[in-house]
Amino acid sequence: MNAGAHIPTYLLCERLAKGGRVLDLYPPDLEGARLLAGTAKSVHVVKRQANEYFASDPPENVTRSAAAPEALPFGRGAFDLIVCPLLADEAN
């Protein structure tokens, strides 16, 4: 993914995330989650492996975990909005 290419997606989702619970799947960095954290009630970031975590500390309402796509540990209705910039990049 080109540096910063995912930011417009997050700017749009920031409006949709207002007061909601957001799942951010496999983002290239923490900047999108930081944008979402400004309006969302909570943001949960999932990376494929624990060692992929970001060097900087996330905002207080951002949690992080590691999981493969086929093993996401969330039930139906756990989130109000799901963002996956990786899929958008692979479509191009």
Protein backbone atom coordinates (compact mmCIF):
# COMPACT_ATOMS: atom_id res chain seq x y z
CA MET A 1 0.00 0.00 0.00
CA ASN A 2 1.30 3.47 -0.84
CA ALA A 3 2.15 5.55 2.22
CA GLY A 4 -0.94 7.47 3.27
CA ALA A 5 -3.19 5.92 0.60
CA HIS A 6 -5.52 4.55 3.30
CA ILE A 7 -6.11 7.92 5.00
CA PRO A 8 -9.07 9.03 2.78
CA THR A 9 -10.86 5.79 3.70
CA TYR A 10 -10.37 6.54 7.39
CA LEU A 11 -11.51 10.14 6.99
CA LEU A 12 -14.80 8.89 5.55
CA CYS A 13 -15.14 6.20 8.20
CA GLU A 14 -14.42 8.72 10.96
CA ARG A 15 -17.85 10.26 10.28
CA LEU A 16 -19.53 6.84 10.30
CA ALA A 17 -17.77 5.80 13.50
CA LYS A 18 -19.25 8.54 15.67
CA GLY A 19 -19.99 7.03 19.08
CA GLY A 20 -19.67 3.48 17.75
CA ARG A 21 -17.51 0.41 18.24
CA VAL A 22 -15.05 0.00 15.35
CA LEU A 23 -13.01 -3.00 14.21
CA ASP A 24 -9.93 -1.99 12.19
CA LEU A 25 -8.59 -5.06 10.37
CA TYR A 26 -4.97 -5.27 9.27
CA PRO A 27 -4.16 -1.56 8.90
CA PRO A 28 -0.74 -0.58 7.53
CA ASP A 29 -0.13 1.78 10.47
CA LEU A 30 -1.89 3.29 13.48
CA GLU A 31 -2.80 6.64 11.89
CA GLY A 32 -6.23 5.49 10.70
CA ALA A 33 -7.09 4.13 14.14
CA ARG A 34 -6.01 7.45 15.65
CA LEU A 35 -8.45 9.25 13.34
CA LEU A 36 -11.27 6.87 14.22
CA ALA A 37 -10.52 7.13 17.95
CA GLY A 38 -11.40 10.81 17.82
CA THR A 39 -15.10 10.10 17.25
CA ALA A 40 -15.63 6.39 18.00
CA LYS A 41 -16.51 5.01 21.41
CA SER A 42 -13.86 2.32 20.93
CA VAL A 43 -11.53 1.03 18.20
CA HIS A 44 -10.10 -2.48 18.14
CA VAL A 45 -7.11 -2.97 15.81
CA VAL A 46 -6.28 -6.50 14.61
CA LYS A 47 -2.95 -7.42 13.01
CA ARG A 48 -2.02 -10.85 11.65
CA GLN A 49 0.80 -11.42 14.17
CA ALA A 50 1.55 -9.89 17.56
CA ASN A 51 5.01 -8.79 16.40
CA GLU A 52 3.38 -6.54 13.78
CA TYR A 53 2.27 -4.08 16.42
CA PHE A 54 3.08 -0.47 16.07
CA ALA A 55 5.95 1.23 17.90
CA SER A 56 3.85 4.17 19.09
CA ASP A 57 1.25 3.96 21.83
CA PRO A 58 -2.38 4.05 20.69
CA PRO A 59 -5.03 6.42 22.07
CA GLU A 60 -6.76 5.30 25.26
CA ASN A 61 -9.88 3.95 23.49
CA VAL A 62 -7.85 1.81 21.04
CA THR A 63 -7.13 -1.85 21.85
CA ARG A 64 -4.99 -4.23 19.85
CA SER A 65 -4.85 -7.97 19.21
CA ALA A 66 -3.45 -10.46 16.70
CA ALA A 67 -5.51 -12.93 14.65
CA ALA A 68 -5.60 -14.55 11.24
CA PRO A 69 -8.63 -13.60 9.10
CA GLU A 70 -10.18 -17.05 9.49
CA ALA A 71 -9.81 -16.95 13.29
CA LEU A 72 -11.25 -13.58 14.31
CA PRO A 73 -12.60 -14.01 17.85
CA PHE A 74 -15.60 -11.69 17.61
CA GLY A 75 -19.28 -12.54 17.56
CA ARG A 76 -22.03 -11.08 15.42
CA GLY A 77 -22.94 -7.54 16.43
CA ALA A 78 -19.70 -6.89 18.32
CA PHE A 79 -18.93 -3.83 16.16
CA ASP A 80 -20.88 -1.06 14.51
CA LEU A 81 -18.29 -0.48 11.76
CA ILE A 82 -15.56 -2.68 10.26
CA VAL A 83 -12.70 -1.10 8.32
CA CYS A 84 -10.25 -3.19 6.28
CA PRO A 85 -7.91 -1.05 4.16
CA LEU A 86 -5.94 -4.15 3.12
CA LEU A 87 -8.90 -5.43 1.09
CA ALA A 88 -9.34 -2.07 -0.58
CA ASP A 89 -5.66 -2.07 -1.58
CA GLU A 90 -5.81 -5.63 -2.96
CA ALA A 91 -8.78 -4.69 -5.16
CA ASN A 92 -6.65 -2.11 -7.05
